[in-house]
Structure formats: C-alpha cells, structure tokens
Amino acid sequence: MNFLELAKKRYSVRKYESRPVEKEKLLTILEAGRVAPSACNYQAHKVLVIETPAGLENL
C-alpha cells in the first residue's frame, strides 16, 4: 500500500465506545509504543494506562 492509498482510507474517530479495550490489544499497543523509534533515541514519552473510572477521576 502506498501513502496515497493509506491517506484515502484514514478516518477520524468522533465517538468512542465505553467498553474497555481487551487486554491482548492493550498489550500490543503498549509494545508498539515501546519499540517505536524516537528522535535521537531520546525516548521522551510516557504512557498512562487508566483502566477504572476511579483512576480517570483521579487523573
């Protein structure tokens, strides 16, 4: 797939579902973020995983 095809298929999510993300999917997403390159290997990112309404409220 070239970039133009990819750009034509992209979309923006306007509404999210209230159901939680499956654990396997969450772990895959976190692993992809962990191994993603960063500028000059600076690795200046933090990821918060909030799985409960109380956790979201505390944030």
PDB file of N, CA and C in Angstrom:
ATOM      1  N   MET A   1       0.852  -1.174   0.000  1.00  0.00           N
ATOM      2  CA  MET A   1       0.000   0.000   0.000  1.00  0.00           C
ATOM      3  C   MET A   1       0.900   1.239   0.000  1.00  0.00           C
ATOM      4  N   ASN A   2       0.629   2.153  -0.898  1.00  0.00           N
ATOM      5  CA  ASN A   2       1.413   3.385  -0.909  1.00  0.00           C
ATOM      6  C   ASN A   2       0.734   4.453  -0.045  1.00  0.00           C
ATOM      7  N   PHE A   3       1.410   5.576   0.122  1.00  0.00           N
ATOM      8  CA  PHE A   3       0.910   6.595   1.031  1.00  0.00           C
ATOM      9  C   PHE A   3      -0.440   7.154   0.595  1.00  0.00           C
ATOM     10  N   LEU A   4      -0.631   7.368  -0.704  1.00  0.00           N
ATOM     11  CA  LEU A   4      -1.888   7.935  -1.178  1.00  0.00           C
ATOM     12  C   LEU A   4      -3.061   7.014  -0.851  1.00  0.00           C
ATOM     13  N   GLU A   5      -2.877   5.713  -1.033  1.00  0.00           N
ATOM     14  CA  GLU A   5      -3.937   4.766  -0.673  1.00  0.00           C
ATOM     15  C   GLU A   5      -4.220   4.812   0.822  1.00  0.00           C
ATOM     16  N   LEU A   6      -3.170   4.859   1.614  1.00  0.00           N
ATOM     17  CA  LEU A   6      -3.323   4.934   3.062  1.00  0.00           C
ATOM     18  C   LEU A   6      -4.053   6.213   3.469  1.00  0.00           C
ATOM     19  N   ALA A   7      -3.685   7.350   2.871  1.00  0.00           N
ATOM     20  CA  ALA A   7      -4.311   8.627   3.203  1.00  0.00           C
ATOM     21  C   ALA A   7      -5.799   8.621   2.850  1.00  0.00           C
ATOM     22  N   LYS A   8      -6.158   7.962   1.769  1.00  0.00           N
ATOM     23  CA  LYS A   8      -7.575   7.911   1.363  1.00  0.00           C
ATOM     24  C   LYS A   8      -8.414   7.042   2.297  1.00  0.00           C
ATOM     25  N   LYS A   9      -7.779   6.077   2.967  1.00  0.00           N
ATOM     26  CA  LYS A   9      -8.509   5.163   3.847  1.00  0.00           C
ATOM     27  C   LYS A   9      -8.570   5.629   5.293  1.00  0.00           C
ATOM     28  N   ARG A  10      -7.843   6.683   5.654  1.00  0.00           N
ATOM     29  CA  ARG A  10      -7.809   7.116   7.044  1.00  0.00           C
ATOM     30  C   ARG A  10      -9.122   7.776   7.443  1.00  0.00           C
ATOM     31  N   TYR A  11      -9.384   7.801   8.700  1.00  0.00           N
ATOM     32  CA  TYR A  11     -10.581   8.453   9.217  1.00  0.00           C
ATOM     33  C   TYR A  11     -10.305   8.926  10.635  1.00  0.00           C
ATOM     34  N   SER A  12     -11.132   9.837  11.102  1.00  0.00           N
ATOM     35  CA  SER A  12     -11.010  10.354  12.466  1.00  0.00           C
ATOM     36  C   SER A  12     -12.166   9.822  13.296  1.00  0.00           C
ATOM     37  N   VAL A  13     -11.865   9.265  14.437  1.00  0.00           N
ATOM     38  CA  VAL A  13     -12.897   8.757  15.332  1.00  0.00           C
ATOM     39  C   VAL A  13     -13.538   9.944  16.040  1.00  0.00           C
ATOM     40  N   ARG A  14     -14.833  10.018  15.973  1.00  0.00           N
ATOM     41  CA  ARG A  14     -15.561  11.133  16.594  1.00  0.00           C
ATOM     42  C   ARG A  14     -16.260  10.737  17.887  1.00  0.00           C
ATOM     43  N   LYS A  15     -16.462   9.457  18.075  1.00  0.00           N
ATOM     44  CA  LYS A  15     -17.160   8.983  19.267  1.00  0.00           C
ATOM     45  C   LYS A  15     -16.539   7.659  19.689  1.00  0.00           C
ATOM     46  N   TYR A  16     -16.246   7.524  20.975  1.00  0.00           N
ATOM     47  CA  TYR A  16     -15.638   6.315  21.498  1.00  0.00           C
ATOM     48  C   TYR A  16     -16.675   5.492  22.239  1.00  0.00           C
ATOM     49  N   GLU A  17     -16.487   4.194  22.235  1.00  0.00           N
ATOM     50  CA  GLU A  17     -17.365   3.313  22.985  1.00  0.00           C
ATOM     51  C   GLU A  17     -16.918   3.276  24.443  1.00  0.00           C
ATOM     52  N   SER A  18     -17.828   2.959  25.333  1.00  0.00           N
ATOM     53  CA  SER A  18     -17.500   2.953  26.756  1.00  0.00           C
ATOM     54  C   SER A  18     -16.940   1.606  27.224  1.00  0.00           C
ATOM     55  N   ARG A  19     -16.895   0.611  26.350  1.00  0.00           N
ATOM     56  CA  ARG A  19     -16.374  -0.700  26.765  1.00  0.00           C
ATOM     57  C   ARG A  19     -14.847  -0.672  26.825  1.00  0.00           C
ATOM     58  N   PRO A  20     -14.266  -1.434  27.735  1.00  0.00           N
ATOM     59  CA  PRO A  20     -12.805  -1.431  27.877  1.00  0.00           C
ATOM     60  C   PRO A  20     -12.110  -2.120  26.704  1.00  0.00           C
ATOM     61  N   VAL A  21     -10.858  -1.760  26.486  1.00  0.00           N
ATOM     62  CA  VAL A  21     -10.038  -2.393  25.453  1.00  0.00           C
ATOM     63  C   VAL A  21      -9.580  -3.747  25.982  1.00  0.00           C
ATOM     64  N   GLU A  22      -9.634  -4.755  25.120  1.00  0.00           N
ATOM     65  CA  GLU A  22      -9.212  -6.092  25.527  1.00  0.00           C
ATOM     66  C   GLU A  22      -7.735  -6.076  25.931  1.00  0.00           C
ATOM     67  N   LYS A  23      -7.379  -6.854  26.948  1.00  0.00           N
ATOM     68  CA  LYS A  23      -6.019  -6.875  27.495  1.00  0.00           C
ATOM     69  C   LYS A  23      -4.977  -7.178  26.417  1.00  0.00           C
ATOM     70  N   GLU A  24      -5.253  -8.145  25.545  1.00  0.00           N
ATOM     71  CA  GLU A  24      -4.300  -8.510  24.490  1.00  0.00           C
ATOM     72  C   GLU A  24      -4.042  -7.330  23.544  1.00  0.00           C
ATOM     73  N   LYS A  25      -5.095  -6.612  23.174  1.00  0.00           N
ATOM     74  CA  LYS A  25      -4.937  -5.450  22.297  1.00  0.00           C
ATOM     75  C   LYS A  25      -4.159  -4.341  22.999  1.00  0.00           C
ATOM     76  N   LEU A  26      -4.461  -4.115  24.269  1.00  0.00           N
ATOM     77  CA  LEU A  26      -3.771  -3.085  25.032  1.00  0.00           C
ATOM     78  C   LEU A  26      -2.272  -3.390  25.113  1.00  0.00           C
ATOM     79  N   LEU A  27      -1.930  -4.637  25.383  1.00  0.00           N
ATOM     80  CA  LEU A  27      -0.523  -5.024  25.462  1.00  0.00           C
ATOM     81  C   LEU A  27       0.187  -4.855  24.119  1.00  0.00           C
ATOM     82  N   THR A  28      -0.507  -5.151  23.019  1.00  0.00           N
ATOM     83  CA  THR A  28       0.072  -4.967  21.684  1.00  0.00           C
ATOM     84  C   THR A  28       0.329  -3.497  21.406  1.00  0.00           C
ATOM     85  N   ILE A  29      -0.612  -2.647  21.746  1.00  0.00           N
ATOM     86  CA  ILE A  29      -0.452  -1.201  21.550  1.00  0.00           C
ATOM     87  C   ILE A  29       0.710  -0.670  22.384  1.00  0.00           C
ATOM     88  N   LEU A  30       0.795  -1.105  23.632  1.00  0.00           N
ATOM     89  CA  LEU A  30       1.881  -0.651  24.501  1.00  0.00           C
ATOM     90  C   LEU A  30       3.241  -1.124  23.998  1.00  0.00           C
ATOM     91  N   GLU A  31       3.306  -2.350  23.487  1.00  0.00           N
ATOM     92  CA  GLU A  31       4.563  -2.870  22.955  1.00  0.00           C
ATOM     93  C   GLU A  31       4.979  -2.095  21.712  1.00  0.00           C
ATOM     94  N   ALA A  32       4.026  -1.756  20.845  1.00  0.00           N
ATOM     95  CA  ALA A  32       4.341  -0.965  19.652  1.00  0.00           C
ATOM     96  C   ALA A  32       4.901   0.397  20.050  1.00  0.00           C
ATOM     97  N   GLY A  33       4.333   1.004  21.063  1.00  0.00           N
ATOM     98  CA  GLY A  33       4.853   2.284  21.541  1.00  0.00           C
ATOM     99  C   GLY A  33       6.224   2.152  22.169  1.00  0.00           C
ATOM    100  N   ARG A  34       6.472   1.047  22.838  1.00  0.00           N
ATOM    101  CA  ARG A  34       7.752   0.841  23.491  1.00  0.00           C
ATOM    102  C   ARG A  34       8.890   0.695  22.491  1.00  0.00           C
ATOM    103  N   VAL A  35       8.625   0.017  21.379  1.00  0.00           N
ATOM    104  CA  VAL A  35       9.684  -0.223  20.401  1.00  0.00           C
ATOM    105  C   VAL A  35       9.746   0.835  19.305  1.00  0.00           C
ATOM    106  N   ALA A  36       8.823   1.783  19.298  1.00  0.00           N
ATOM    107  CA  ALA A  36       8.818   2.830  18.271  1.00  0.00           C
ATOM    108  C   ALA A  36      10.045   3.728  18.429  1.00  0.00           C
ATOM    109  N   PRO A  37      10.635   4.135  17.311  1.00  0.00           N
ATOM    110  CA  PRO A  37      11.814   4.999  17.396  1.00  0.00           C
ATOM    111  C   PRO A  37      11.453   6.387  17.909  1.00  0.00           C
ATOM    112  N   SER A  38      12.415   7.040  18.505  1.00  0.00           N
ATOM    113  CA  SER A  38      12.239   8.421  18.947  1.00  0.00           C
ATOM    114  C   SER A  38      13.407   9.249  18.417  1.00  0.00           C
ATOM    115  N   ALA A  39      13.235  10.538  18.354  1.00  0.00           N
ATOM    116  CA  ALA A  39      14.271  11.419  17.818  1.00  0.00           C
ATOM    117  C   ALA A  39      15.554  11.281  18.627  1.00  0.00           C
ATOM    118  N   CYS A  40      16.633  10.960  17.969  1.00  0.00           N
ATOM    119  CA  CYS A  40      17.956  10.814  18.597  1.00  0.00           C
ATOM    120  C   CYS A  40      17.938   9.833  19.769  1.00  0.00           C
ATOM    121  N   ASN A  41      17.015   8.884  19.730  1.00  0.00           N
ATOM    122  CA  ASN A  41      16.856   7.894  20.798  1.00  0.00           C
ATOM    123  C   ASN A  41      16.608   8.560  22.154  1.00  0.00           C
ATOM    124  N   TYR A  42      15.958   9.726  22.121  1.00  0.00           N
ATOM    125  CA  TYR A  42      15.700  10.493  23.339  1.00  0.00           C
ATOM    126  C   TYR A  42      14.691   9.796  24.251  1.00  0.00           C
ATOM    127  N   GLN A  43      13.742   9.083  23.679  1.00  0.00           N
ATOM    128  CA  GLN A  43      12.738   8.305  24.419  1.00  0.00           C
ATOM    129  C   GLN A  43      11.979   9.141  25.448  1.00  0.00           C
ATOM    130  N   ALA A  44      11.560  10.302  25.026  1.00  0.00           N
ATOM    131  CA  ALA A  44      10.877  11.219  25.949  1.00  0.00           C
ATOM    132  C   ALA A  44       9.362  11.055  25.908  1.00  0.00           C
ATOM    133  N   HIS A  45       8.888   9.857  26.137  1.00  0.00           N
ATOM    134  CA  HIS A  45       7.449   9.658  26.173  1.00  0.00           C
ATOM    135  C   HIS A  45       7.056   8.886  27.431  1.00  0.00           C
ATOM    136  N   LYS A  46       5.855   9.153  27.862  1.00  0.00           N
ATOM    137  CA  LYS A  46       5.277   8.435  28.996  1.00  0.00           C
ATOM    138  C   LYS A  46       3.888   8.000  28.580  1.00  0.00           C
ATOM    139  N   VAL A  47       3.486   6.840  29.015  1.00  0.00           N
ATOM    140  CA  VAL A  47       2.175   6.308  28.681  1.00  0.00           C
ATOM    141  C   VAL A  47       1.457   5.981  29.979  1.00  0.00           C
ATOM    142  N   LEU A  48       0.263   6.497  30.106  1.00  0.00           N
ATOM    143  CA  LEU A  48      -0.576   6.176  31.262  1.00  0.00           C
ATOM    144  C   LEU A  48      -1.695   5.262  30.798  1.00  0.00           C
ATOM    145  N   VAL A  49      -1.887   4.166  31.484  1.00  0.00           N
ATOM    146  CA  VAL A  49      -2.998   3.264  31.198  1.00  0.00           C
ATOM    147  C   VAL A  49      -3.960   3.375  32.365  1.00  0.00           C
ATOM    148  N   ILE A  50      -5.125   3.893  32.079  1.00  0.00           N
ATOM    149  CA  ILE A  50      -6.141   4.080  33.124  1.00  0.00           C
ATOM    150  C   ILE A  50      -7.284   3.129  32.813  1.00  0.00           C
ATOM    151  N   GLU A  51      -7.511   2.184  33.706  1.00  0.00           N
ATOM    152  CA  GLU A  51      -8.473   1.124  33.430  1.00  0.00           C
ATOM    153  C   GLU A  51      -9.750   1.210  34.260  1.00  0.00           C
ATOM    154  N   THR A  52      -9.839   2.156  35.170  1.00  0.00           N
ATOM    155  CA  THR A  52     -11.027   2.256  36.007  1.00  0.00           C
ATOM    156  C   THR A  52     -11.579   3.677  35.989  1.00  0.00           C
ATOM    157  N   PRO A  53     -12.855   3.833  36.189  1.00  0.00           N
ATOM    158  CA  PRO A  53     -13.425   5.184  36.275  1.00  0.00           C
ATOM    159  C   PRO A  53     -12.801   5.984  37.430  1.00  0.00           C
ATOM    160  N   ALA A  54     -12.486   5.290  38.532  1.00  0.00           N
ATOM    161  CA  ALA A  54     -11.854   5.987  39.659  1.00  0.00           C
ATOM    162  C   ALA A  54     -10.475   6.503  39.285  1.00  0.00           C
ATOM    163  N   GLY A  55      -9.723   5.723  38.524  1.00  0.00           N
ATOM    164  CA  GLY A  55      -8.412   6.155  38.054  1.00  0.00           C
ATOM    165  C   GLY A  55      -8.524   7.370  37.153  1.00  0.00           C
ATOM    166  N   LEU A  56      -9.527   7.370  36.278  1.00  0.00           N
ATOM    167  CA  LEU A  56      -9.744   8.516  35.397  1.00  0.00           C
ATOM    168  C   LEU A  56     -10.132   9.749  36.203  1.00  0.00           C
ATOM    169  N   GLU A  57     -10.932   9.544  37.212  1.00  0.00           N
ATOM    170  CA  GLU A  57     -11.338  10.655  38.079  1.00  0.00           C
ATOM    171  C   GLU A  57     -10.125  11.242  38.806  1.00  0.00           C
ATOM    172  N   ASN A  58      -9.235  10.382  39.275  1.00  0.00           N
ATOM    173  CA  ASN A  58      -8.035  10.863  39.966  1.00  0.00           C
ATOM    174  C   ASN A  58      -7.123  11.647  39.039  1.00  0.00           C
ATOM    175  N   LEU A  59      -7.105  11.267  37.781  1.00  0.00           N
ATOM    176  CA  LEU A  59      -6.260  11.967  36.818  1.00  0.00           C
ATOM    177  C   LEU A  59      -6.746  13.378  36.616  1.00  0.00           C
TER     178      LEU A  59
END
